[in-house]
Amino acid sequence: MDNSDQILAELKKISDLLTPKPPTAPPPMPKGMIQEFRAFLSQYKVMGMAVAFILALYLGVLIQALVTDLIMPLIQYATPSGVSWQSIAFGPFLFGQFVDAVITFLIVALVIFMIVKFSSKMPKLKKKGN
């Protein structure tokens, strides 16, 4: 085999690799309402999403309590006595509640960052049979 035949063979291999393959046929739809419902639950992982959603709601409540009950009282000590944290104003601008919301957001973002960072370092769990 000479050099040009080798080049043509390599080009043929590359062309075969770059040619899109036809999509595989979708699995047949399950028959019966119960089987369709089970397929829906497993395909879209509905139970996992529901658990994550519920945990996220309660994590938000927990973080809100942390900010409201622990962090904001510390900030209240730094403000002059007799002044409510939420009523702090400069001129016509009342921004105490805005600062409260910003601090809450930053704490939530920090907690989510820490959770993602911690979970990315955890070893991956393998399913049985894999």
N, C-alpha and C. Protein backbone atom coordinates (compact mmCIF):
# COMPACT_ATOMS: atom_id res chain seq x y z
N MET A 1 0.86 -1.17 0.00
CA MET A 1 0.00 0.00 0.00
C MET A 1 0.91 1.23 0.00
N ASP A 2 0.67 2.11 -0.96
CA ASP A 2 1.53 3.29 -1.02
C ASP A 2 0.98 4.41 -0.13
N ASN A 3 1.67 5.51 -0.14
CA ASN A 3 1.38 6.63 0.76
C ASN A 3 0.00 7.22 0.49
N SER A 4 -0.39 7.37 -0.76
CA SER A 4 -1.70 7.98 -1.08
C SER A 4 -2.85 7.06 -0.64
N ASP A 5 -2.66 5.75 -0.72
CA ASP A 5 -3.70 4.82 -0.26
C ASP A 5 -3.87 4.91 1.27
N GLN A 6 -2.76 5.07 1.97
CA GLN A 6 -2.83 5.22 3.42
C GLN A 6 -3.55 6.51 3.79
N ILE A 7 -3.26 7.58 3.09
CA ILE A 7 -3.92 8.86 3.35
C ILE A 7 -5.41 8.73 3.08
N LEU A 8 -5.77 8.08 1.97
CA LEU A 8 -7.19 7.90 1.64
C LEU A 8 -7.90 7.04 2.69
N ALA A 9 -7.21 6.02 3.20
CA ALA A 9 -7.81 5.17 4.22
C ALA A 9 -8.03 5.97 5.51
N GLU A 10 -7.05 6.80 5.89
CA GLU A 10 -7.20 7.64 7.08
C GLU A 10 -8.33 8.64 6.90
N LEU A 11 -8.42 9.25 5.73
CA LEU A 11 -9.51 10.20 5.46
C LEU A 11 -10.87 9.51 5.52
N LYS A 12 -10.94 8.28 5.05
CA LYS A 12 -12.19 7.51 5.12
C LYS A 12 -12.58 7.25 6.57
N LYS A 13 -11.59 6.91 7.42
CA LYS A 13 -11.87 6.68 8.83
C LYS A 13 -12.38 7.96 9.50
N ILE A 14 -11.73 9.08 9.18
CA ILE A 14 -12.15 10.36 9.77
C ILE A 14 -13.54 10.72 9.30
N SER A 15 -13.81 10.50 8.02
CA SER A 15 -15.14 10.78 7.48
C SER A 15 -16.21 9.93 8.16
N ASP A 16 -15.90 8.67 8.40
CA ASP A 16 -16.84 7.78 9.10
C ASP A 16 -17.09 8.26 10.53
N LEU A 17 -16.04 8.73 11.19
CA LEU A 17 -16.20 9.22 12.56
C LEU A 17 -17.03 10.50 12.61
N LEU A 18 -16.90 11.35 11.60
CA LEU A 18 -17.60 12.63 11.60
C LEU A 18 -19.02 12.54 11.07
N THR A 19 -19.36 11.45 10.41
CA THR A 19 -20.72 11.28 9.89
C THR A 19 -21.68 11.02 11.04
N PRO A 20 -22.74 11.85 11.17
CA PRO A 20 -23.68 11.63 12.28
C PRO A 20 -24.41 10.31 12.13
N LYS A 21 -24.57 9.65 13.23
CA LYS A 21 -25.29 8.37 13.26
C LYS A 21 -26.78 8.64 13.45
N PRO A 22 -27.61 7.81 12.89
CA PRO A 22 -29.05 8.00 13.10
C PRO A 22 -29.41 7.77 14.57
N PRO A 23 -30.36 8.56 15.10
CA PRO A 23 -30.71 8.39 16.51
C PRO A 23 -31.34 7.03 16.76
N THR A 24 -31.10 6.52 17.95
CA THR A 24 -31.71 5.25 18.30
C THR A 24 -33.19 5.45 18.57
N ALA A 25 -33.95 4.44 18.33
CA ALA A 25 -35.40 4.53 18.52
C ALA A 25 -35.71 4.64 20.00
N PRO A 26 -36.68 5.49 20.37
CA PRO A 26 -37.03 5.59 21.79
C PRO A 26 -37.64 4.29 22.27
N PRO A 27 -37.52 4.00 23.56
CA PRO A 27 -38.10 2.77 24.07
C PRO A 27 -39.62 2.82 23.92
N PRO A 28 -40.24 1.66 23.75
CA PRO A 28 -41.69 1.67 23.58
C PRO A 28 -42.38 2.20 24.83
N MET A 29 -43.49 2.88 24.61
CA MET A 29 -44.27 3.42 25.72
C MET A 29 -44.86 2.27 26.52
N PRO A 30 -44.78 2.35 27.85
CA PRO A 30 -45.39 1.30 28.66
C PRO A 30 -46.91 1.32 28.51
N LYS A 31 -47.47 0.16 28.64
CA LYS A 31 -48.92 0.06 28.50
C LYS A 31 -49.56 0.10 29.87
N GLY A 32 -50.63 0.81 29.98
CA GLY A 32 -51.34 0.92 31.24
C GLY A 32 -50.93 2.17 32.00
N MET A 33 -51.87 2.72 32.71
CA MET A 33 -51.66 3.97 33.43
C MET A 33 -50.59 3.83 34.52
N ILE A 34 -50.61 2.74 35.25
CA ILE A 34 -49.65 2.57 36.34
C ILE A 34 -48.23 2.45 35.79
N GLN A 35 -48.04 1.69 34.72
CA GLN A 35 -46.72 1.55 34.14
C GLN A 35 -46.23 2.89 33.56
N GLU A 36 -47.12 3.66 32.94
CA GLU A 36 -46.73 4.97 32.42
C GLU A 36 -46.32 5.89 33.56
N PHE A 37 -47.07 5.84 34.67
CA PHE A 37 -46.75 6.68 35.81
C PHE A 37 -45.40 6.31 36.40
N ARG A 38 -45.12 5.01 36.53
CA ARG A 38 -43.83 4.56 37.03
C ARG A 38 -42.70 4.99 36.10
N ALA A 39 -42.92 4.89 34.80
CA ALA A 39 -41.91 5.32 33.83
C ALA A 39 -41.66 6.83 33.95
N PHE A 40 -42.73 7.59 34.15
CA PHE A 40 -42.60 9.04 34.34
C PHE A 40 -41.77 9.35 35.57
N LEU A 41 -42.07 8.67 36.69
CA LEU A 41 -41.34 8.92 37.93
C LEU A 41 -39.86 8.57 37.79
N SER A 42 -39.56 7.47 37.12
CA SER A 42 -38.16 7.07 37.01
C SER A 42 -37.42 7.90 35.95
N GLN A 43 -38.08 8.25 34.86
CA GLN A 43 -37.43 9.00 33.80
C GLN A 43 -37.07 10.41 34.27
N TYR A 44 -37.97 11.07 34.94
CA TYR A 44 -37.73 12.45 35.36
C TYR A 44 -37.23 12.55 36.80
N LYS A 45 -37.01 11.43 37.44
CA LYS A 45 -36.48 11.39 38.80
C LYS A 45 -37.25 12.34 39.72
N VAL A 46 -38.57 12.20 39.68
CA VAL A 46 -39.47 13.09 40.40
C VAL A 46 -39.26 13.01 41.91
N MET A 47 -39.04 11.82 42.43
CA MET A 47 -38.87 11.69 43.87
C MET A 47 -37.61 12.42 44.34
N GLY A 48 -36.54 12.31 43.60
CA GLY A 48 -35.31 13.02 43.96
C GLY A 48 -35.49 14.52 43.91
N MET A 49 -36.21 15.00 42.89
CA MET A 49 -36.47 16.44 42.80
C MET A 49 -37.35 16.90 43.95
N ALA A 50 -38.33 16.12 44.33
CA ALA A 50 -39.22 16.49 45.42
C ALA A 50 -38.44 16.56 46.74
N VAL A 51 -37.59 15.59 46.97
CA VAL A 51 -36.79 15.60 48.19
C VAL A 51 -35.86 16.81 48.20
N ALA A 52 -35.21 17.09 47.09
CA ALA A 52 -34.31 18.24 47.01
C ALA A 52 -35.07 19.54 47.23
N PHE A 53 -36.26 19.66 46.68
CA PHE A 53 -37.07 20.86 46.83
C PHE A 53 -37.46 21.06 48.29
N ILE A 54 -37.92 20.01 48.94
CA ILE A 54 -38.33 20.10 50.34
C ILE A 54 -37.13 20.46 51.23
N LEU A 55 -36.00 19.80 50.99
CA LEU A 55 -34.81 20.11 51.78
C LEU A 55 -34.36 21.56 51.55
N ALA A 56 -34.46 22.03 50.32
CA ALA A 56 -34.07 23.41 50.03
C ALA A 56 -34.99 24.40 50.74
N LEU A 57 -36.28 24.10 50.80
CA LEU A 57 -37.21 24.98 51.52
C LEU A 57 -36.83 25.08 52.99
N TYR A 58 -36.58 23.95 53.61
CA TYR A 58 -36.26 23.97 55.03
C TYR A 58 -34.86 24.51 55.29
N LEU A 59 -33.94 24.33 54.36
CA LEU A 59 -32.63 24.96 54.49
C LEU A 59 -32.78 26.47 54.45
N GLY A 60 -33.66 26.97 53.59
CA GLY A 60 -33.93 28.41 53.53
C GLY A 60 -34.51 28.92 54.83
N VAL A 61 -35.43 28.16 55.43
CA VAL A 61 -36.01 28.55 56.72
C VAL A 61 -34.93 28.56 57.80
N LEU A 62 -34.06 27.56 57.78
CA LEU A 62 -32.98 27.48 58.76
C LEU A 62 -32.02 28.67 58.62
N ILE A 63 -31.65 29.01 57.41
CA ILE A 63 -30.74 30.13 57.19
C ILE A 63 -31.41 31.44 57.58
N GLN A 64 -32.70 31.59 57.26
CA GLN A 64 -33.43 32.80 57.64
C GLN A 64 -33.45 32.94 59.17
N ALA A 65 -33.64 31.85 59.88
CA ALA A 65 -33.63 31.89 61.34
C ALA A 65 -32.23 32.25 61.85
N LEU A 66 -31.20 31.73 61.22
CA LEU A 66 -29.83 32.07 61.60
C LEU A 66 -29.60 33.57 61.47
N VAL A 67 -30.03 34.12 60.35
CA VAL A 67 -29.84 35.56 60.14
C VAL A 67 -30.68 36.37 61.10
N THR A 68 -31.96 36.04 61.21
CA THR A 68 -32.88 36.82 62.03
C THR A 68 -32.57 36.72 63.51
N ASP A 69 -32.27 35.53 63.98
CA ASP A 69 -32.15 35.31 65.42
C ASP A 69 -30.72 35.42 65.97
N LEU A 70 -29.72 35.24 65.12
CA LEU A 70 -28.36 35.27 65.63
C LEU A 70 -27.52 36.42 65.07
N ILE A 71 -27.57 36.63 63.77
CA ILE A 71 -26.68 37.62 63.16
C ILE A 71 -27.23 39.04 63.31
N MET A 72 -28.51 39.23 63.02
CA MET A 72 -29.08 40.58 63.11
C MET A 72 -29.05 41.14 64.54
N PRO A 73 -29.27 40.35 65.59
CA PRO A 73 -29.09 40.91 66.94
C PRO A 73 -27.67 41.40 67.20
N LEU A 74 -26.66 40.73 66.63
CA LEU A 74 -25.29 41.21 66.76
C LEU A 74 -25.12 42.57 66.08
N ILE A 75 -25.73 42.71 64.91
CA ILE A 75 -25.66 43.99 64.20
C ILE A 75 -26.43 45.06 64.98
N GLN A 76 -27.52 44.67 65.61
CA GLN A 76 -28.32 45.61 66.39
C GLN A 76 -27.49 46.20 67.54
N TYR A 77 -26.59 45.40 68.11
CA TYR A 77 -25.72 45.91 69.17
C TYR A 77 -24.78 47.00 68.65
N ALA A 78 -24.43 46.93 67.37
CA ALA A 78 -23.52 47.92 66.80
C ALA A 78 -24.23 49.23 66.48
N THR A 79 -25.55 49.22 66.39
CA THR A 79 -26.29 50.45 66.12
C THR A 79 -26.54 51.18 67.44
N PRO A 80 -26.77 52.47 67.38
CA PRO A 80 -27.03 53.23 68.61
C PRO A 80 -28.25 52.69 69.34
N SER A 81 -28.22 52.79 70.68
CA SER A 81 -29.34 52.28 71.46
C SER A 81 -30.60 53.09 71.16
N GLY A 82 -31.72 52.42 71.15
CA GLY A 82 -32.99 53.05 70.86
C GLY A 82 -33.31 53.15 69.38
N VAL A 83 -32.38 52.74 68.52
CA VAL A 83 -32.61 52.79 67.07
C VAL A 83 -32.89 51.39 66.58
N SER A 84 -34.00 51.23 65.88
CA SER A 84 -34.34 49.93 65.31
C SER A 84 -33.50 49.71 64.05
N TRP A 85 -33.02 48.51 63.91
CA TRP A 85 -32.19 48.17 62.75
C TRP A 85 -32.91 48.46 61.44
N GLN A 86 -34.18 48.09 61.34
CA GLN A 86 -34.92 48.26 60.10
C GLN A 86 -35.27 49.73 59.81
N SER A 87 -35.18 50.61 60.79
CA SER A 87 -35.56 52.01 60.56
C SER A 87 -34.36 52.91 60.29
N ILE A 88 -33.20 52.35 60.07
CA ILE A 88 -32.02 53.16 59.78
C ILE A 88 -32.24 53.87 58.45
N ALA A 89 -31.98 55.18 58.42
CA ALA A 89 -32.20 55.96 57.21
C ALA A 89 -31.10 57.00 57.07
N PHE A 90 -30.82 57.36 55.85
CA PHE A 90 -29.97 58.49 55.54
C PHE A 90 -30.78 59.39 54.63
N GLY A 91 -31.16 60.52 55.15
CA GLY A 91 -32.05 61.40 54.40
C GLY A 91 -33.38 60.72 54.22
N PRO A 92 -33.92 60.78 53.02
CA PRO A 92 -35.24 60.16 52.79
C PRO A 92 -35.16 58.66 52.52
N PHE A 93 -33.95 58.09 52.51
CA PHE A 93 -33.78 56.69 52.13
C PHE A 93 -33.78 55.79 53.35
N LEU A 94 -34.78 54.94 53.45
CA LEU A 94 -34.85 53.92 54.49
C LEU A 94 -34.22 52.66 53.92
N PHE A 95 -33.08 52.30 54.41
CA PHE A 95 -32.43 51.14 53.80
C PHE A 95 -32.08 50.05 54.80
N GLY A 96 -32.58 50.09 55.99
CA GLY A 96 -32.30 49.05 56.97
C GLY A 96 -32.77 47.68 56.53
N GLN A 97 -33.99 47.60 55.99
CA GLN A 97 -34.51 46.30 55.53
C GLN A 97 -33.76 45.83 54.29
N PHE A 98 -33.33 46.78 53.45
CA PHE A 98 -32.56 46.39 52.27
C PHE A 98 -31.22 45.79 52.69
N VAL A 99 -30.56 46.41 53.63
CA VAL A 99 -29.29 45.87 54.12
C VAL A 99 -29.52 44.50 54.76
N ASP A 100 -30.64 44.36 55.46
CA ASP A 100 -31.01 43.07 56.04
C ASP A 100 -31.15 42.02 54.95
N ALA A 101 -31.82 42.37 53.85
CA ALA A 101 -32.00 41.42 52.74
C ALA A 101 -30.66 41.10 52.08
N VAL A 102 -29.79 42.08 51.94
CA VAL A 102 -28.47 41.85 51.33
C VAL A 102 -27.65 40.91 52.21
N ILE A 103 -27.66 41.13 53.51
CA ILE A 103 -26.90 40.26 54.42
C ILE A 103 -27.46 38.84 54.37
N THR A 104 -28.78 38.72 54.36
CA THR A 104 -29.40 37.39 54.25
C THR A 104 -28.98 36.70 52.96
N PHE A 105 -29.02 37.44 51.84
CA PHE A 105 -28.62 36.86 50.55
C PHE A 105 -27.17 36.39 50.60
N LEU A 106 -26.29 37.22 51.13
CA LEU A 106 -24.87 36.85 51.18
C LEU A 106 -24.64 35.61 52.03
N ILE A 107 -25.37 35.49 53.12
CA ILE A 107 -25.22 34.31 53.97
C ILE A 107 -25.76 33.07 53.26
N VAL A 108 -26.90 33.20 52.60
CA VAL A 108 -27.46 32.07 51.83
C VAL A 108 -26.49 31.65 50.73
N ALA A 109 -25.93 32.62 50.01
CA ALA A 109 -24.98 32.31 48.94
C ALA A 109 -23.74 31.62 49.51
N LEU A 110 -23.27 32.07 50.67
CA LEU A 110 -22.11 31.45 51.29
C LEU A 110 -22.40 30.02 51.71
N VAL A 111 -23.57 29.79 52.29
CA VAL A 111 -23.94 28.43 52.71
C VAL A 111 -24.06 27.51 51.50
N ILE A 112 -24.68 27.98 50.43
CA ILE A 112 -24.82 27.16 49.22
C ILE A 112 -23.44 26.87 48.63
N PHE A 113 -22.57 27.88 48.61
CA PHE A 113 -21.21 27.68 48.12
C PHE A 113 -20.49 26.61 48.93
N MET A 114 -20.63 26.67 50.26
CA MET A 114 -19.96 25.70 51.11
C MET A 114 -20.53 24.29 50.89
N ILE A 115 -21.85 24.18 50.71
CA ILE A 115 -22.45 22.88 50.45
C ILE A 115 -21.94 22.30 49.13
N VAL A 116 -21.91 23.12 48.08
CA VAL A 116 -21.44 22.65 46.78
C VAL A 116 -19.97 22.27 46.85
N LYS A 117 -19.17 23.09 47.52
CA LYS A 117 -17.74 22.80 47.65
C LYS A 117 -17.52 21.50 48.42
N PHE A 118 -18.26 21.31 49.52
CA PHE A 118 -18.13 20.09 50.31
C PHE A 118 -18.59 18.87 49.51
N SER A 119 -19.72 19.01 48.82
CA SER A 119 -20.25 17.85 48.10
C SER A 119 -19.40 17.48 46.90
N SER A 120 -18.71 18.45 46.31
CA SER A 120 -17.85 18.11 45.17
C SER A 120 -16.61 17.33 45.61
N LYS A 121 -16.22 17.46 46.89
CA LYS A 121 -15.06 16.72 47.39
C LYS A 121 -15.42 15.34 47.92
N MET A 122 -16.72 15.07 48.08
CA MET A 122 -17.14 13.76 48.59
C MET A 122 -16.97 12.72 47.50
N PRO A 123 -16.64 11.49 47.88
CA PRO A 123 -16.53 10.45 46.86
C PRO A 123 -17.89 10.13 46.27
N LYS A 124 -17.88 9.84 44.99
CA LYS A 124 -19.13 9.52 44.30
C LYS A 124 -19.62 8.15 44.72
N LEU A 125 -20.93 8.04 44.97
CA LEU A 125 -21.53 6.75 45.30
C LEU A 125 -21.83 6.01 44.02
N LYS A 126 -21.48 4.74 43.99
CA LYS A 126 -21.74 3.93 42.80
C LYS A 126 -22.99 3.12 43.04
N LYS A 127 -23.77 2.97 41.95
CA LYS A 127 -24.97 2.13 42.02
C LYS A 127 -24.55 0.68 41.99
N LYS A 128 -25.38 -0.14 42.60
CA LYS A 128 -25.11 -1.58 42.58
C LYS A 128 -25.20 -2.09 41.15
N GLY A 129 -24.31 -2.97 40.79
CA GLY A 129 -24.34 -3.56 39.47
C GLY A 129 -23.45 -2.81 38.49
N ASN A 130 -22.88 -1.68 38.88
CA ASN A 130 -21.99 -0.92 37.99
C ASN A 130 -20.56 -1.10 38.39
